[in-house]
Amino acid sequence: MRWITLTLCRRCIHQVCSGIALSDSYPLHLYRRYKASSLMVRDEAWEKAFIQQKPKDVMRKFSDEELLEFHRKGLTDREISEKLGVTQAAVNYRREKLGLENNYKPITFSDQQLLTLYNQGLNDREISETLGVTQAAVNYRRGRLGLASNYIPERIFLTLYEKGLSSEEIAHELDAPLPAILHRMKKLEIVSEHGVAEAEV
């Protein structure tokens, strides 16, 4: 088995850090072997053939101006890498080299924001969509606050409703918060006895 030369591996490292994308055809396994070995055998003929193989498919450079243009638009490293067709690591390296701040800003939410939506009967998915965060983040925070899930199995809910059970009775049967039942009724355009009572008043 022939080994990649020290000169070639240094070139690989330089290309990755300089913003050159690596395609599936790029033999990364050789670089990993280089890292695991302290003895390299130079093979100039093999090296030349390796460097010349499909250069357009293997390499993709990008300029500082291209990066700056997307960075000014507020794109994150991941979004810029997708636009340029390079690795996210390459964009991150070049951005830091240019002294630019990361445009990625994690979206946070307060306990009060979650509680407000939770008390309206929204489930984790609906809360996450409203706040623009992941459902997992909502699930974790709700659990930390000791709140039961507002998830209502629709088929079971409709079965109980068709049997004539009230919203309170359905909540009891499903061991679910009453606001969640009322919210589900509203979503399904079902008028609850609470709505009727308020209308009569």
N, C-alpha and C. Protein backbone atom coordinates (compact mmCIF):
# COMPACT_ATOMS: atom_id res chain seq x y z
N MET A 1 0.86 -1.20 0.00
CA MET A 1 0.00 0.00 0.00
C MET A 1 0.89 1.24 0.00
N ARG A 2 0.66 2.14 -0.95
CA ARG A 2 1.45 3.36 -1.01
C ARG A 2 0.88 4.40 -0.05
N TRP A 3 1.77 5.19 0.50
CA TRP A 3 1.35 6.20 1.47
C TRP A 3 1.44 7.59 0.84
N ILE A 4 0.56 8.44 1.24
CA ILE A 4 0.61 9.83 0.79
C ILE A 4 1.82 10.51 1.41
N THR A 5 2.43 11.41 0.71
CA THR A 5 3.65 12.04 1.21
C THR A 5 3.33 13.15 2.20
N LEU A 6 4.35 13.49 2.96
CA LEU A 6 4.21 14.57 3.93
C LEU A 6 3.85 15.87 3.24
N THR A 7 4.49 16.12 2.08
CA THR A 7 4.22 17.34 1.32
C THR A 7 2.77 17.40 0.90
N LEU A 8 2.24 16.29 0.42
CA LEU A 8 0.86 16.24 -0.04
C LEU A 8 -0.12 16.44 1.10
N CYS A 9 0.15 15.82 2.25
CA CYS A 9 -0.76 15.97 3.39
C CYS A 9 -0.80 17.40 3.89
N ARG A 10 0.34 18.06 3.89
CA ARG A 10 0.35 19.47 4.28
C ARG A 10 -0.49 20.29 3.32
N ARG A 11 -0.43 19.90 2.04
CA ARG A 11 -1.25 20.60 1.05
C ARG A 11 -2.73 20.36 1.33
N CYS A 12 -3.09 19.12 1.73
CA CYS A 12 -4.48 18.80 2.07
C CYS A 12 -4.98 19.69 3.19
N ILE A 13 -4.16 19.80 4.26
CA ILE A 13 -4.54 20.61 5.41
C ILE A 13 -4.72 22.06 5.00
N HIS A 14 -3.79 22.57 4.19
CA HIS A 14 -3.87 23.96 3.74
C HIS A 14 -5.13 24.20 2.93
N GLN A 15 -5.49 23.23 2.07
CA GLN A 15 -6.66 23.40 1.23
C GLN A 15 -7.94 23.43 2.04
N VAL A 16 -8.05 22.57 3.04
CA VAL A 16 -9.24 22.55 3.89
C VAL A 16 -9.39 23.87 4.62
N CYS A 17 -8.28 24.38 5.18
CA CYS A 17 -8.33 25.62 5.95
C CYS A 17 -8.52 26.83 5.05
N SER A 18 -8.15 26.74 3.78
CA SER A 18 -8.26 27.86 2.86
C SER A 18 -9.61 27.92 2.18
N GLY A 19 -10.47 26.94 2.44
CA GLY A 19 -11.83 27.01 1.90
C GLY A 19 -12.04 26.19 0.66
N ILE A 20 -11.27 25.13 0.48
CA ILE A 20 -11.47 24.26 -0.67
C ILE A 20 -12.31 23.08 -0.24
N ALA A 21 -13.44 22.86 -0.93
CA ALA A 21 -14.33 21.77 -0.56
C ALA A 21 -13.73 20.45 -0.98
N LEU A 22 -14.06 19.40 -0.24
CA LEU A 22 -13.61 18.05 -0.56
C LEU A 22 -14.81 17.24 -1.02
N SER A 23 -14.73 16.67 -2.19
CA SER A 23 -15.83 15.84 -2.69
C SER A 23 -15.66 14.42 -2.19
N ASP A 24 -16.66 13.58 -2.50
CA ASP A 24 -16.61 12.19 -2.06
C ASP A 24 -15.43 11.44 -2.68
N SER A 25 -14.96 11.95 -3.84
CA SER A 25 -13.86 11.26 -4.51
C SER A 25 -12.50 11.58 -3.90
N TYR A 26 -12.43 12.55 -3.02
CA TYR A 26 -11.17 12.95 -2.40
C TYR A 26 -10.78 11.91 -1.36
N PRO A 27 -9.62 11.26 -1.48
CA PRO A 27 -9.26 10.14 -0.59
C PRO A 27 -8.84 10.57 0.80
N LEU A 28 -9.81 10.89 1.64
CA LEU A 28 -9.52 11.32 3.01
C LEU A 28 -8.89 10.21 3.84
N HIS A 29 -9.14 8.94 3.46
CA HIS A 29 -8.59 7.85 4.24
C HIS A 29 -7.06 7.90 4.23
N LEU A 30 -6.50 8.50 3.16
CA LEU A 30 -5.05 8.60 3.10
C LEU A 30 -4.53 9.61 4.13
N TYR A 31 -5.29 10.68 4.30
CA TYR A 31 -4.90 11.68 5.29
C TYR A 31 -4.98 11.09 6.70
N ARG A 32 -6.03 10.28 6.95
CA ARG A 32 -6.15 9.66 8.27
C ARG A 32 -4.98 8.71 8.52
N ARG A 33 -4.57 8.00 7.47
CA ARG A 33 -3.43 7.10 7.64
C ARG A 33 -2.15 7.89 7.90
N TYR A 34 -2.08 9.05 7.25
CA TYR A 34 -0.91 9.91 7.47
C TYR A 34 -0.82 10.32 8.94
N LYS A 35 -1.96 10.70 9.51
CA LYS A 35 -1.98 11.13 10.92
C LYS A 35 -1.58 9.99 11.85
N ALA A 36 -1.91 8.76 11.45
CA ALA A 36 -1.64 7.62 12.32
C ALA A 36 -0.23 7.05 12.11
N SER A 37 0.50 7.56 11.14
CA SER A 37 1.83 7.02 10.85
C SER A 37 2.88 8.11 10.92
N SER A 38 4.08 7.73 11.38
CA SER A 38 5.19 8.68 11.47
C SER A 38 6.18 8.46 10.33
N LEU A 39 5.97 7.43 9.50
CA LEU A 39 6.89 7.10 8.42
C LEU A 39 6.18 7.27 7.09
N MET A 40 6.69 8.23 6.25
CA MET A 40 6.09 8.51 4.96
C MET A 40 7.07 8.15 3.85
N VAL A 41 6.56 7.56 2.79
CA VAL A 41 7.38 7.23 1.62
C VAL A 41 6.95 8.13 0.48
N ARG A 42 7.86 8.88 -0.08
CA ARG A 42 7.52 9.82 -1.15
C ARG A 42 7.37 9.07 -2.48
N ASP A 43 6.31 9.32 -3.17
CA ASP A 43 6.06 8.73 -4.48
C ASP A 43 5.58 9.86 -5.39
N GLU A 44 6.50 10.49 -6.11
CA GLU A 44 6.18 11.68 -6.89
C GLU A 44 5.20 11.38 -8.02
N ALA A 45 5.32 10.23 -8.63
CA ALA A 45 4.41 9.88 -9.73
C ALA A 45 2.99 9.75 -9.22
N TRP A 46 2.84 9.06 -8.08
CA TRP A 46 1.50 8.90 -7.50
C TRP A 46 0.94 10.23 -7.03
N GLU A 47 1.80 11.05 -6.45
CA GLU A 47 1.38 12.37 -5.97
C GLU A 47 0.88 13.23 -7.11
N LYS A 48 1.59 13.21 -8.23
CA LYS A 48 1.20 14.01 -9.38
C LYS A 48 -0.16 13.56 -9.91
N ALA A 49 -0.35 12.26 -10.00
CA ALA A 49 -1.63 11.73 -10.48
C ALA A 49 -2.76 12.10 -9.54
N PHE A 50 -2.48 12.09 -8.24
CA PHE A 50 -3.50 12.41 -7.24
C PHE A 50 -3.93 13.86 -7.35
N ILE A 51 -2.97 14.78 -7.48
CA ILE A 51 -3.26 16.20 -7.54
C ILE A 51 -4.04 16.56 -8.80
N GLN A 52 -3.78 15.84 -9.90
CA GLN A 52 -4.39 16.19 -11.16
C GLN A 52 -5.75 15.53 -11.39
N GLN A 53 -6.20 14.67 -10.47
CA GLN A 53 -7.45 13.97 -10.71
C GLN A 53 -8.66 14.88 -10.54
N LYS A 54 -9.40 15.04 -11.60
CA LYS A 54 -10.64 15.80 -11.62
C LYS A 54 -10.59 17.03 -10.73
N PRO A 55 -9.73 18.00 -10.99
CA PRO A 55 -9.59 19.16 -10.11
C PRO A 55 -10.85 19.96 -9.94
N LYS A 56 -11.69 20.02 -10.98
CA LYS A 56 -12.92 20.81 -10.88
C LYS A 56 -13.92 20.16 -9.93
N ASP A 57 -13.89 18.82 -9.85
CA ASP A 57 -14.82 18.12 -8.98
C ASP A 57 -14.31 18.09 -7.54
N VAL A 58 -12.98 18.14 -7.40
CA VAL A 58 -12.38 17.97 -6.08
C VAL A 58 -12.30 19.27 -5.31
N MET A 59 -11.97 20.35 -5.99
CA MET A 59 -11.66 21.60 -5.30
C MET A 59 -12.69 22.69 -5.58
N ARG A 60 -12.92 23.50 -4.58
CA ARG A 60 -13.80 24.65 -4.74
C ARG A 60 -13.28 25.75 -3.84
N LYS A 61 -12.68 26.79 -4.45
CA LYS A 61 -12.15 27.89 -3.66
C LYS A 61 -13.20 28.99 -3.56
N PHE A 62 -13.05 29.83 -2.54
CA PHE A 62 -13.92 31.01 -2.44
C PHE A 62 -13.08 32.17 -1.92
N SER A 63 -13.46 33.35 -2.32
CA SER A 63 -12.70 34.55 -1.97
C SER A 63 -13.23 35.19 -0.70
N ASP A 64 -12.41 36.07 -0.13
CA ASP A 64 -12.84 36.82 1.05
C ASP A 64 -14.05 37.68 0.72
N GLU A 65 -14.08 38.20 -0.51
CA GLU A 65 -15.19 39.07 -0.92
C GLU A 65 -16.51 38.29 -0.94
N GLU A 66 -16.47 37.05 -1.40
CA GLU A 66 -17.67 36.23 -1.42
C GLU A 66 -18.18 35.99 0.00
N LEU A 67 -17.25 35.65 0.89
CA LEU A 67 -17.64 35.41 2.28
C LEU A 67 -18.20 36.68 2.91
N LEU A 68 -17.53 37.81 2.68
CA LEU A 68 -17.97 39.09 3.26
C LEU A 68 -19.36 39.47 2.78
N GLU A 69 -19.63 39.20 1.50
CA GLU A 69 -20.95 39.55 0.95
C GLU A 69 -22.06 38.81 1.67
N PHE A 70 -21.89 37.50 1.86
CA PHE A 70 -22.91 36.71 2.55
C PHE A 70 -22.95 37.04 4.04
N HIS A 71 -21.79 37.34 4.63
CA HIS A 71 -21.74 37.67 6.06
C HIS A 71 -22.49 38.96 6.34
N ARG A 72 -22.36 39.94 5.44
CA ARG A 72 -23.06 41.22 5.62
C ARG A 72 -24.58 41.03 5.55
N LYS A 73 -25.01 40.01 4.82
CA LYS A 73 -26.44 39.72 4.70
C LYS A 73 -26.98 38.98 5.93
N GLY A 74 -26.08 38.65 6.85
CA GLY A 74 -26.51 38.00 8.09
C GLY A 74 -26.54 36.49 8.05
N LEU A 75 -25.98 35.89 7.00
CA LEU A 75 -25.98 34.43 6.90
C LEU A 75 -25.01 33.81 7.90
N THR A 76 -25.38 32.65 8.43
CA THR A 76 -24.52 31.92 9.36
C THR A 76 -23.46 31.15 8.58
N ASP A 77 -22.48 30.59 9.31
CA ASP A 77 -21.43 29.81 8.66
C ASP A 77 -22.02 28.65 7.86
N ARG A 78 -23.01 27.98 8.43
CA ARG A 78 -23.63 26.84 7.74
C ARG A 78 -24.31 27.30 6.45
N GLU A 79 -25.04 28.40 6.53
CA GLU A 79 -25.74 28.91 5.35
C GLU A 79 -24.76 29.37 4.27
N ILE A 80 -23.65 30.00 4.71
CA ILE A 80 -22.64 30.46 3.75
C ILE A 80 -21.98 29.26 3.08
N SER A 81 -21.68 28.22 3.86
CA SER A 81 -21.04 27.03 3.30
C SER A 81 -21.93 26.38 2.26
N GLU A 82 -23.25 26.39 2.49
CA GLU A 82 -24.18 25.81 1.53
C GLU A 82 -24.25 26.66 0.25
N LYS A 83 -24.18 27.98 0.41
CA LYS A 83 -24.21 28.87 -0.75
C LYS A 83 -22.96 28.71 -1.61
N LEU A 84 -21.81 28.57 -0.94
CA LEU A 84 -20.53 28.50 -1.65
C LEU A 84 -20.15 27.08 -2.07
N GLY A 85 -20.81 26.08 -1.50
CA GLY A 85 -20.49 24.70 -1.80
C GLY A 85 -19.18 24.25 -1.20
N VAL A 86 -18.89 24.74 0.01
CA VAL A 86 -17.67 24.36 0.72
C VAL A 86 -18.04 23.86 2.11
N THR A 87 -17.05 23.43 2.86
CA THR A 87 -17.33 22.93 4.20
C THR A 87 -17.60 24.07 5.17
N GLN A 88 -18.38 23.79 6.20
CA GLN A 88 -18.65 24.79 7.23
C GLN A 88 -17.39 25.13 7.99
N ALA A 89 -16.50 24.14 8.17
CA ALA A 89 -15.24 24.37 8.87
C ALA A 89 -14.38 25.37 8.12
N ALA A 90 -14.40 25.30 6.78
CA ALA A 90 -13.61 26.23 5.97
C ALA A 90 -14.12 27.66 6.13
N VAL A 91 -15.45 27.81 6.13
CA VAL A 91 -16.04 29.14 6.31
C VAL A 91 -15.72 29.69 7.70
N ASN A 92 -15.85 28.83 8.70
CA ASN A 92 -15.56 29.23 10.08
C ASN A 92 -14.12 29.70 10.22
N TYR A 93 -13.19 28.95 9.63
CA TYR A 93 -11.76 29.29 9.71
C TYR A 93 -11.49 30.64 9.05
N ARG A 94 -12.04 30.83 7.83
CA ARG A 94 -11.79 32.07 7.10
C ARG A 94 -12.45 33.27 7.79
N ARG A 95 -13.65 33.07 8.32
CA ARG A 95 -14.35 34.17 9.02
C ARG A 95 -13.55 34.64 10.22
N GLU A 96 -13.08 33.68 11.02
CA GLU A 96 -12.29 34.04 12.20
C GLU A 96 -10.98 34.71 11.79
N LYS A 97 -10.38 34.27 10.69
CA LYS A 97 -9.15 34.86 10.20
C LYS A 97 -9.37 36.31 9.80
N LEU A 98 -10.57 36.62 9.29
CA LEU A 98 -10.92 37.99 8.90
C LEU A 98 -11.42 38.83 10.07
N GLY A 99 -11.51 38.21 11.24
CA GLY A 99 -11.95 38.93 12.43
C GLY A 99 -13.42 39.25 12.46
N LEU A 100 -14.23 38.43 11.80
CA LEU A 100 -15.68 38.66 11.74
C LEU A 100 -16.40 37.87 12.83
N GLU A 101 -17.45 38.48 13.38
CA GLU A 101 -18.23 37.80 14.41
C GLU A 101 -19.14 36.75 13.78
N ASN A 102 -19.49 35.77 14.57
CA ASN A 102 -20.41 34.72 14.11
C ASN A 102 -21.82 35.28 14.06
N ASN A 103 -22.47 35.11 12.92
CA ASN A 103 -23.84 35.61 12.77
C ASN A 103 -24.87 34.71 13.45
N TYR A 104 -24.44 33.54 13.89
CA TYR A 104 -25.39 32.62 14.52
C TYR A 104 -25.74 33.11 15.91
N LYS A 105 -26.99 33.31 16.16
CA LYS A 105 -27.48 33.74 17.47
C LYS A 105 -28.54 32.76 17.93
N PRO A 106 -28.23 31.96 18.95
CA PRO A 106 -29.22 30.98 19.42
C PRO A 106 -30.48 31.68 19.93
N ILE A 107 -31.63 31.16 19.53
CA ILE A 107 -32.92 31.73 19.95
C ILE A 107 -33.27 31.20 21.34
N THR A 108 -33.53 32.11 22.25
CA THR A 108 -33.88 31.71 23.61
C THR A 108 -35.31 32.17 23.93
N PHE A 109 -35.87 31.60 24.97
CA PHE A 109 -37.21 31.99 25.40
C PHE A 109 -37.28 31.87 26.91
N SER A 110 -38.16 32.65 27.50
CA SER A 110 -38.27 32.68 28.96
C SER A 110 -39.31 31.67 29.44
N ASP A 111 -39.24 31.36 30.72
CA ASP A 111 -40.24 30.48 31.32
C ASP A 111 -41.63 31.08 31.20
N GLN A 112 -41.71 32.41 31.32
CA GLN A 112 -43.01 33.07 31.27
C GLN A 112 -43.63 32.95 29.88
N GLN A 113 -42.80 33.04 28.84
CA GLN A 113 -43.31 32.88 27.48
C GLN A 113 -43.89 31.48 27.29
N LEU A 114 -43.17 30.49 27.80
CA LEU A 114 -43.65 29.12 27.69
C LEU A 114 -44.94 28.93 28.47
N LEU A 115 -44.98 29.46 29.69
CA LEU A 115 -46.16 29.30 30.54
C LEU A 115 -47.39 29.95 29.93
N THR A 116 -47.21 31.11 29.31
CA THR A 116 -48.34 31.81 28.69
C THR A 116 -48.97 30.96 27.59
N LEU A 117 -48.14 30.39 26.74
CA LEU A 117 -48.63 29.56 25.65
C LEU A 117 -49.16 28.22 26.17
N TYR A 118 -48.48 27.69 27.17
CA TYR A 118 -48.91 26.42 27.77
C TYR A 118 -50.29 26.56 28.38
N ASN A 119 -50.53 27.65 29.09
CA ASN A 119 -51.82 27.87 29.74
C ASN A 119 -52.94 28.14 28.73
N GLN A 120 -52.57 28.44 27.49
CA GLN A 120 -53.56 28.58 26.42
C GLN A 120 -53.92 27.23 25.81
N GLY A 121 -53.22 26.18 26.26
CA GLY A 121 -53.52 24.83 25.80
C GLY A 121 -52.66 24.33 24.66
N LEU A 122 -51.65 25.12 24.24
CA LEU A 122 -50.80 24.70 23.13
C LEU A 122 -49.90 23.54 23.55
N ASN A 123 -49.67 22.59 22.65
CA ASN A 123 -48.76 21.49 22.94
C ASN A 123 -47.32 21.89 22.59
N ASP A 124 -46.38 20.99 22.84
CA ASP A 124 -44.96 21.32 22.64
C ASP A 124 -44.66 21.73 21.20
N ARG A 125 -45.24 21.02 20.24
CA ARG A 125 -44.98 21.36 18.83
C ARG A 125 -45.50 22.74 18.49
N GLU A 126 -46.70 23.06 18.94
CA GLU A 126 -47.30 24.36 18.65
C GLU A 126 -46.52 25.49 19.34
N ILE A 127 -46.06 25.23 20.56
CA ILE A 127 -45.27 26.23 21.28
C ILE A 127 -43.94 26.47 20.57
N SER A 128 -43.30 25.38 20.13
CA SER A 128 -42.00 25.53 19.45
C SER A 128 -42.15 26.31 18.15
N GLU A 129 -43.24 26.08 17.42
CA GLU A 129 -43.47 26.82 16.17
C GLU A 129 -43.75 28.29 16.45
N THR A 130 -44.45 28.57 17.53
CA THR A 130 -44.76 29.96 17.88
C THR A 130 -43.51 30.72 18.31
N LEU A 131 -42.65 30.07 19.08
CA LEU A 131 -41.45 30.72 19.61
C LEU A 131 -40.26 30.64 18.64
N GLY A 132 -40.36 29.79 17.63
CA GLY A 132 -39.26 29.64 16.69
C GLY A 132 -38.07 28.89 17.27
N VAL A 133 -38.36 27.90 18.13
CA VAL A 133 -37.31 27.09 18.74
C VAL A 133 -37.61 25.62 18.47
N THR A 134 -36.69 24.74 18.90
CA THR A 134 -36.92 23.32 18.66
C THR A 134 -37.95 22.76 19.65
N GLN A 135 -38.64 21.72 19.21
CA GLN A 135 -39.61 21.06 20.08
C GLN A 135 -38.91 20.42 21.27
N ALA A 136 -37.70 19.94 21.06
CA ALA A 136 -36.94 19.33 22.15
C ALA A 136 -36.64 20.34 23.24
N ALA A 137 -36.36 21.58 22.86
CA ALA A 137 -36.07 22.63 23.85
C ALA A 137 -37.31 22.93 24.69
N VAL A 138 -38.47 22.96 24.04
CA VAL A 138 -39.73 23.20 24.76
C VAL A 138 -40.04 22.04 25.69
N ASN A 139 -39.86 20.83 25.18
CA ASN A 139 -40.11 19.63 25.99
C ASN A 139 -39.24 19.61 27.23
N TYR A 140 -37.97 19.95 27.07
CA TYR A 140 -37.04 19.95 28.21
C TYR A 140 -37.42 21.01 29.24
N ARG A 141 -37.73 22.22 28.77
CA ARG A 141 -38.06 23.31 29.70
C ARG A 141 -39.38 23.02 30.41
N ARG A 142 -40.36 22.48 29.68
CA ARG A 142 -41.65 22.14 30.31
C ARG A 142 -41.45 21.10 31.40
N GLY A 143 -40.62 20.10 31.11
CA GLY A 143 -40.34 19.07 32.10
C GLY A 143 -39.65 19.64 33.32
N ARG A 144 -38.74 20.59 33.09
CA ARG A 144 -38.02 21.21 34.21
C ARG A 144 -38.97 22.02 35.09
N LEU A 145 -40.03 22.57 34.48
CA LEU A 145 -41.02 23.35 35.22
C LEU A 145 -42.08 22.47 35.86
N GLY A 146 -42.01 21.16 35.60
CA GLY A 146 -42.96 20.22 36.21
C GLY A 146 -44.35 20.29 35.61
N LEU A 147 -44.44 20.63 34.33
CA LEU A 147 -45.73 20.74 33.66
C LEU A 147 -46.05 19.47 32.87
N ALA A 148 -47.31 19.04 32.95
CA ALA A 148 -47.73 17.86 32.19
C ALA A 148 -47.83 18.22 30.71
N SER A 149 -47.75 17.21 29.87
CA SER A 149 -47.84 17.45 28.43
C SER A 149 -49.25 17.87 28.02
N ASN A 150 -49.34 18.79 27.11
CA ASN A 150 -50.63 19.23 26.56
C ASN A 150 -51.03 18.42 25.33
N TYR A 151 -50.25 17.40 25.02
CA TYR A 151 -50.55 16.60 23.83
C TYR A 151 -51.85 15.82 24.02
N ILE A 152 -52.75 15.92 23.05
CA ILE A 152 -54.03 15.23 23.11
C ILE A 152 -54.16 14.31 21.89
N PRO A 153 -54.26 12.99 22.11
CA PRO A 153 -54.47 12.07 20.97
C PRO A 153 -55.83 12.38 20.32
N GLU A 154 -55.80 12.84 19.09
CA GLU A 154 -57.02 13.35 18.45
C GLU A 154 -58.09 12.27 18.29
N ARG A 155 -57.70 11.07 17.91
CA ARG A 155 -58.70 10.02 17.69
C ARG A 155 -59.42 9.67 18.99
N ILE A 156 -58.66 9.52 20.07
CA ILE A 156 -59.27 9.20 21.36
C ILE A 156 -60.13 10.36 21.84
N PHE A 157 -59.64 11.58 21.61
CA PHE A 157 -60.39 12.77 22.01
C PHE A 157 -61.75 12.80 21.31
N LEU A 158 -61.77 12.56 20.00
CA LEU A 158 -63.01 12.61 19.24
C LEU A 158 -63.96 11.49 19.67
N THR A 159 -63.40 10.34 20.00
CA THR A 159 -64.23 9.22 20.47
C THR A 159 -64.95 9.59 21.76
N LEU A 160 -64.24 10.20 22.68
CA LEU A 160 -64.84 10.60 23.96
C LEU A 160 -65.86 11.72 23.74
N TYR A 161 -65.55 12.64 22.83
CA TYR A 161 -66.46 13.74 22.57
C TYR A 161 -67.77 13.22 21.96
N GLU A 162 -67.65 12.27 21.04
CA GLU A 162 -68.84 11.71 20.39
C GLU A 162 -69.71 10.92 21.36
N LYS A 163 -69.10 10.47 22.46
CA LYS A 163 -69.86 9.78 23.50
C LYS A 163 -70.64 10.74 24.37
N GLY A 164 -70.41 12.05 24.15
CA GLY A 164 -71.16 13.07 24.88
C GLY A 164 -70.48 13.56 26.14
N LEU A 165 -69.21 13.22 26.35
CA LEU A 165 -68.50 13.67 27.54
C LEU A 165 -68.21 15.16 27.44
N SER A 166 -68.23 15.82 28.59
CA SER A 166 -67.91 17.24 28.64
C SER A 166 -66.40 17.44 28.56
N SER A 167 -65.98 18.69 28.41
CA SER A 167 -64.54 18.98 28.33
C SER A 167 -63.83 18.56 29.61
N GLU A 168 -64.49 18.78 30.78
CA GLU A 168 -63.89 18.38 32.06
C GLU A 168 -63.75 16.86 32.15
N GLU A 169 -64.78 16.17 31.68
CA GLU A 169 -64.75 14.71 31.73
C GLU A 169 -63.68 14.14 30.79
N ILE A 170 -63.54 14.78 29.62
CA ILE A 170 -62.51 14.34 28.68
C ILE A 170 -61.13 14.57 29.28
N ALA A 171 -60.96 15.72 29.92
CA ALA A 171 -59.68 16.03 30.55
C ALA A 171 -59.36 15.01 31.63
N HIS A 172 -60.38 14.61 32.37
CA HIS A 172 -60.18 13.62 33.43
C HIS A 172 -59.84 12.25 32.83
N GLU A 173 -60.54 11.87 31.77
CA GLU A 173 -60.30 10.57 31.14
C GLU A 173 -58.90 10.48 30.54
N LEU A 174 -58.44 11.58 29.96
CA LEU A 174 -57.13 11.59 29.30
C LEU A 174 -56.01 12.02 30.25
N ASP A 175 -56.40 12.40 31.49
CA ASP A 175 -55.42 12.91 32.45
C ASP A 175 -54.63 14.06 31.82
N ALA A 176 -55.38 14.98 31.21
CA ALA A 176 -54.78 16.10 30.50
C ALA A 176 -55.28 17.42 31.09
N PRO A 177 -54.49 18.50 30.97
CA PRO A 177 -54.92 19.81 31.46
C PRO A 177 -56.17 20.28 30.70
N LEU A 178 -57.11 20.89 31.42
CA LEU A 178 -58.34 21.37 30.79
C LEU A 178 -58.07 22.37 29.66
N PRO A 179 -57.12 23.32 29.82
CA PRO A 179 -56.85 24.26 28.73
C PRO A 179 -56.46 23.56 27.43
N ALA A 180 -55.77 22.42 27.55
CA ALA A 180 -55.37 21.67 26.36
C ALA A 180 -56.59 21.10 25.64
N ILE A 181 -57.59 20.65 26.43
CA ILE A 181 -58.82 20.11 25.83
C ILE A 181 -59.60 21.23 25.14
N LEU A 182 -59.70 22.37 25.80
CA LEU A 182 -60.43 23.50 25.23
C LEU A 182 -59.73 24.01 23.97
N HIS A 183 -58.42 24.01 23.99
CA HIS A 183 -57.66 24.45 22.82
C HIS A 183 -57.89 23.49 21.64
N ARG A 184 -57.92 22.19 21.95
CA ARG A 184 -58.15 21.20 20.90
C ARG A 184 -59.56 21.36 20.32
N MET A 185 -60.54 21.64 21.18
CA MET A 185 -61.91 21.86 20.71
C MET A 185 -61.97 23.06 19.77
N LYS A 186 -61.24 24.10 20.15
CA LYS A 186 -61.22 25.31 19.32
C LYS A 186 -60.58 25.02 17.97
N LYS A 187 -59.50 24.23 17.98
CA LYS A 187 -58.80 23.89 16.74
C LYS A 187 -59.71 23.09 15.81
N LEU A 188 -60.54 22.23 16.42
CA LEU A 188 -61.45 21.39 15.64
C LEU A 188 -62.81 22.05 15.43
N GLU A 189 -62.89 23.32 15.85
CA GLU A 189 -64.12 24.11 15.71
C GLU A 189 -65.30 23.45 16.41
N ILE A 190 -65.02 22.93 17.60
CA ILE A 190 -66.06 22.34 18.44
C ILE A 190 -66.41 23.34 19.53
N VAL A 191 -67.68 23.61 19.70
CA VAL A 191 -68.12 24.55 20.73
C VAL A 191 -68.27 23.81 22.04
N SER A 192 -67.53 24.24 23.06
CA SER A 192 -67.60 23.60 24.37
C SER A 192 -68.71 24.22 25.20
N GLU A 193 -69.02 23.53 26.28
CA GLU A 193 -70.07 24.06 27.17
C GLU A 193 -69.63 25.36 27.81
N HIS A 194 -68.30 25.55 27.92
CA HIS A 194 -67.78 26.83 28.46
C HIS A 194 -68.11 27.97 27.51
N GLY A 195 -67.92 27.71 26.20
CA GLY A 195 -68.23 28.74 25.22
C GLY A 195 -69.71 29.08 25.18
N VAL A 196 -70.56 28.08 25.32
CA VAL A 196 -71.99 28.29 25.35
C VAL A 196 -72.38 29.11 26.56
N ALA A 197 -71.83 28.78 27.72
CA ALA A 197 -72.15 29.49 28.97
C ALA A 197 -71.73 30.97 28.86
N GLU A 198 -70.54 31.21 28.28
CA GLU A 198 -70.07 32.59 28.14
C GLU A 198 -70.96 33.37 27.17
N ALA A 199 -71.45 32.69 26.12
CA ALA A 199 -72.31 33.35 25.13
C ALA A 199 -73.65 33.74 25.76
N GLU A 200 -74.16 32.87 26.62
CA GLU A 200 -75.44 33.13 27.27
C GLU A 200 -75.34 34.29 28.24
N VAL A 201 -74.17 34.45 28.88
CA VAL A 201 -73.96 35.56 29.80
C VAL A 201 -73.87 36.88 29.04
